Amino acid sequence: MSNQNKDIFQLGILTISDLGSIGKREDTSGEAISKIMRENGFEVRKRDIVPDEVDLISGKLIEWSDSGSIDILISTGGTGLGPRDVTPEATEKVIDFDVPGIGEVMRLETLKFTPFAMLSRSVAGVRSGCLIINLPGSEKAVKETLQAVLPALGHALQMLKGWRIH
């Protein structure tokens, strides 16, 4: 369990999917995040699906991070090389500072499973004391990347508590 201090951290899950946002694709990656994070002591407070549009993604990141009601926001989808994959740009646009080690570890660890991991443009950073992590859009990749970063999340969120505005 990554949450060694037994604090209950509040989680937001944002799925980025054109088809999912109009109900034409099931959100299996968001479900996988929810299941894994609940099993590791996190409470899901917010969940939504938005299409692959920079302004919609960044708007949701700002709204949730600045609300003070969540400690960590995990997005899934839109991190590849496709023309509609804009999640990294939306995230970079709104974070106060980046946490490059998270994306580096996710790519390094998942390279053990697939050479396509090197194509991920996942970004991690902090806005208003909320940790934001972009995960790939497939359920399999979500499981692999979360396992790579879970051991550090509790400590990271404890460190960020000093940034929170109450």
Protein backbone atom coordinates (compact mmCIF):
# COMPACT_ATOMS: atom_id res chain seq x y z
CA MET A 1 0.00 0.00 0.00
CA SER A 2 1.43 3.36 -1.00
CA ASN A 3 -0.58 5.30 1.53
CA GLN A 4 1.60 4.36 4.51
CA ASN A 5 0.52 7.25 6.75
CA LYS A 6 -3.10 6.03 6.59
CA ASP A 7 -4.38 9.44 5.58
CA ILE A 8 -7.37 9.30 3.29
CA PHE A 9 -6.37 11.22 0.20
CA GLN A 10 -9.08 12.63 -2.07
CA LEU A 11 -8.90 11.67 -5.74
CA GLY A 12 -10.31 13.04 -8.96
CA ILE A 13 -10.36 10.87 -12.10
CA LEU A 14 -10.63 12.61 -15.46
CA THR A 15 -10.99 10.48 -18.57
CA ILE A 16 -10.12 12.17 -21.85
CA SER A 17 -11.97 10.50 -24.71
CA ASP A 18 -13.94 11.89 -27.62
CA LEU A 19 -16.04 8.71 -27.86
CA GLY A 20 -16.36 8.26 -24.11
CA SER A 21 -17.61 11.82 -23.68
CA ILE A 22 -20.60 11.08 -25.92
CA GLY A 23 -21.32 7.64 -24.46
CA LYS A 24 -19.95 5.62 -27.38
CA ARG A 25 -17.05 4.04 -25.47
CA GLU A 26 -16.94 2.44 -22.03
CA ASP A 27 -14.53 4.06 -19.55
CA THR A 28 -12.54 0.96 -18.58
CA SER A 29 -9.36 2.93 -17.84
CA GLY A 30 -11.18 5.25 -15.43
CA GLU A 31 -12.70 2.20 -13.72
CA ALA A 32 -9.25 0.63 -13.40
CA ILE A 33 -7.88 3.79 -11.78
CA SER A 34 -10.82 3.91 -9.37
CA LYS A 35 -10.40 0.27 -8.34
CA ILE A 36 -6.62 0.40 -7.86
CA MET A 37 -6.66 3.69 -5.99
CA ARG A 38 -9.53 2.66 -3.68
CA GLU A 39 -7.64 -0.54 -2.86
CA ASN A 40 -4.71 1.68 -1.87
CA GLY A 41 -6.63 3.93 0.51
CA PHE A 42 -7.75 6.76 -1.78
CA GLU A 43 -11.29 8.13 -1.89
CA VAL A 44 -12.75 9.03 -5.28
CA ARG A 45 -14.36 12.47 -4.90
CA LYS A 46 -14.72 13.59 -8.53
CA ARG A 47 -15.01 11.78 -11.81
CA ASP A 48 -15.78 12.99 -15.32
CA ILE A 49 -15.17 12.36 -19.01
CA VAL A 50 -14.29 15.15 -21.44
CA PRO A 51 -13.41 15.12 -25.15
CA ASP A 52 -9.86 15.63 -26.41
CA GLU A 53 -9.99 19.45 -26.34
CA VAL A 54 -7.23 21.47 -24.64
CA ASP A 55 -9.56 24.10 -23.18
CA LEU A 56 -12.02 21.55 -21.78
CA ILE A 57 -9.24 19.45 -20.24
CA SER A 58 -7.35 22.41 -18.77
CA GLY A 59 -10.59 23.93 -17.51
CA LYS A 60 -11.45 20.76 -15.59
CA LEU A 61 -7.88 20.51 -14.22
CA ILE A 62 -8.09 24.11 -12.98
CA GLU A 63 -11.58 23.69 -11.52
CA TRP A 64 -10.77 20.53 -9.59
CA SER A 65 -7.27 21.52 -8.45
CA ASP A 66 -8.29 24.97 -7.29
CA SER A 67 -11.37 23.65 -5.45
CA GLY A 68 -9.19 22.33 -2.63
CA SER A 69 -11.40 19.23 -2.41
CA ILE A 70 -8.97 16.80 -4.02
CA ASP A 71 -5.33 15.98 -3.30
CA ILE A 72 -4.56 14.13 -6.50
CA LEU A 73 -6.05 14.27 -9.98
CA ILE A 74 -5.34 11.39 -12.32
CA SER A 75 -6.24 11.71 -15.98
CA THR A 76 -6.35 8.89 -18.49
CA GLY A 77 -6.11 9.24 -22.24
CA GLY A 78 -4.72 11.66 -24.79
CA THR A 79 -1.01 11.12 -24.05
CA GLY A 80 0.08 9.52 -27.32
CA LEU A 81 1.17 10.86 -30.69
CA GLY A 82 -2.22 11.12 -32.38
CA PRO A 83 -3.52 14.44 -33.66
CA ARG A 84 -6.22 14.52 -30.92
CA ASP A 85 -3.79 13.59 -28.10
CA VAL A 86 -3.58 16.94 -26.30
CA THR A 87 -3.67 16.03 -22.60
CA PRO A 88 0.03 16.87 -21.97
CA GLU A 89 -0.39 20.32 -23.55
CA ALA A 90 -3.53 20.98 -21.47
CA THR A 91 -1.72 19.91 -18.30
CA GLU A 92 1.48 21.87 -18.98
CA LYS A 93 -0.67 24.95 -19.60
CA VAL A 94 -2.07 24.92 -16.03
CA ILE A 95 0.48 23.40 -13.64
CA ASP A 96 2.49 25.55 -11.24
CA PHE A 97 5.48 23.22 -11.55
CA ASP A 98 6.22 19.85 -13.08
CA VAL A 99 7.27 16.59 -11.40
CA PRO A 100 9.20 14.96 -14.25
CA GLY A 101 10.29 11.88 -12.29
CA ILE A 102 6.75 10.49 -12.27
CA GLY A 103 6.48 10.39 -16.07
CA GLU A 104 10.05 9.14 -16.35
CA VAL A 105 9.41 6.21 -13.99
CA MET A 106 6.14 5.32 -15.71
CA ARG A 107 7.86 5.18 -19.10
CA LEU A 108 10.91 3.31 -17.77
CA GLU A 109 8.89 0.68 -15.91
CA THR A 110 6.36 0.10 -18.69
CA LEU A 111 9.13 -0.31 -21.27
CA LYS A 112 9.54 -3.73 -19.64
CA PHE A 113 6.12 -4.63 -21.06
CA THR A 114 6.03 -2.80 -24.40
CA PRO A 115 8.36 -0.73 -26.57
CA PHE A 116 5.42 1.63 -27.16
CA ALA A 117 5.92 3.05 -23.66
CA MET A 118 8.59 5.34 -25.09
CA LEU A 119 5.87 7.05 -27.12
CA SER A 120 3.92 8.17 -24.05
CA ARG A 121 3.97 11.91 -23.39
CA SER A 122 2.50 11.63 -19.89
CA VAL A 123 3.08 14.70 -17.73
CA ALA A 124 2.91 15.11 -13.96
CA GLY A 125 2.84 18.35 -12.04
CA VAL A 126 1.27 20.35 -9.25
CA ARG A 127 -1.41 23.03 -9.31
CA SER A 128 -2.69 24.65 -6.11
CA GLY A 129 -1.15 21.85 -4.07
CA CYS A 130 -2.93 19.15 -6.08
CA LEU A 131 -0.80 16.50 -7.78
CA ILE A 132 -1.86 15.95 -11.41
CA ILE A 133 -0.73 12.81 -13.24
CA ASN A 134 -1.53 11.95 -16.87
CA LEU A 135 -1.85 8.24 -17.60
CA PRO A 136 -2.24 6.57 -20.98
CA GLY A 137 -5.74 5.67 -22.12
CA SER A 138 -5.72 1.87 -22.14
CA GLU A 139 -6.76 -0.17 -19.12
CA LYS A 140 -3.60 -2.28 -19.37
CA ALA A 141 -1.33 0.78 -19.47
CA VAL A 142 -3.20 2.36 -16.52
CA LYS A 143 -2.55 -0.72 -14.39
CA GLU A 144 1.14 -0.84 -15.34
CA THR A 145 1.82 2.87 -14.85
CA LEU A 146 -0.03 3.12 -11.53
CA GLN A 147 1.94 0.18 -10.13
CA ALA A 148 5.13 2.06 -11.01
CA VAL A 149 4.21 5.25 -9.11
CA LEU A 150 1.98 4.03 -6.26
CA PRO A 151 4.85 3.50 -3.81
CA ALA A 152 5.71 7.23 -3.86
CA LEU A 153 2.24 8.80 -3.93
CA GLY A 154 1.54 8.85 -0.18
CA HIS A 155 4.83 10.59 0.52
CA ALA A 156 4.36 13.04 -2.35
CA LEU A 157 0.89 14.00 -1.12
CA GLN A 158 2.12 14.45 2.44
CA MET A 159 4.78 16.85 1.14
CA LEU A 160 2.18 18.78 -0.86
CA LYS A 161 -0.11 19.34 2.12
CA GLY A 162 1.93 22.46 2.93
CA TRP A 163 0.93 23.99 -0.41
CA ARG A 164 -2.81 23.60 0.07
CA ILE A 165 -4.86 26.73 0.53
CA HIS A 166 -7.59 26.20 3.14
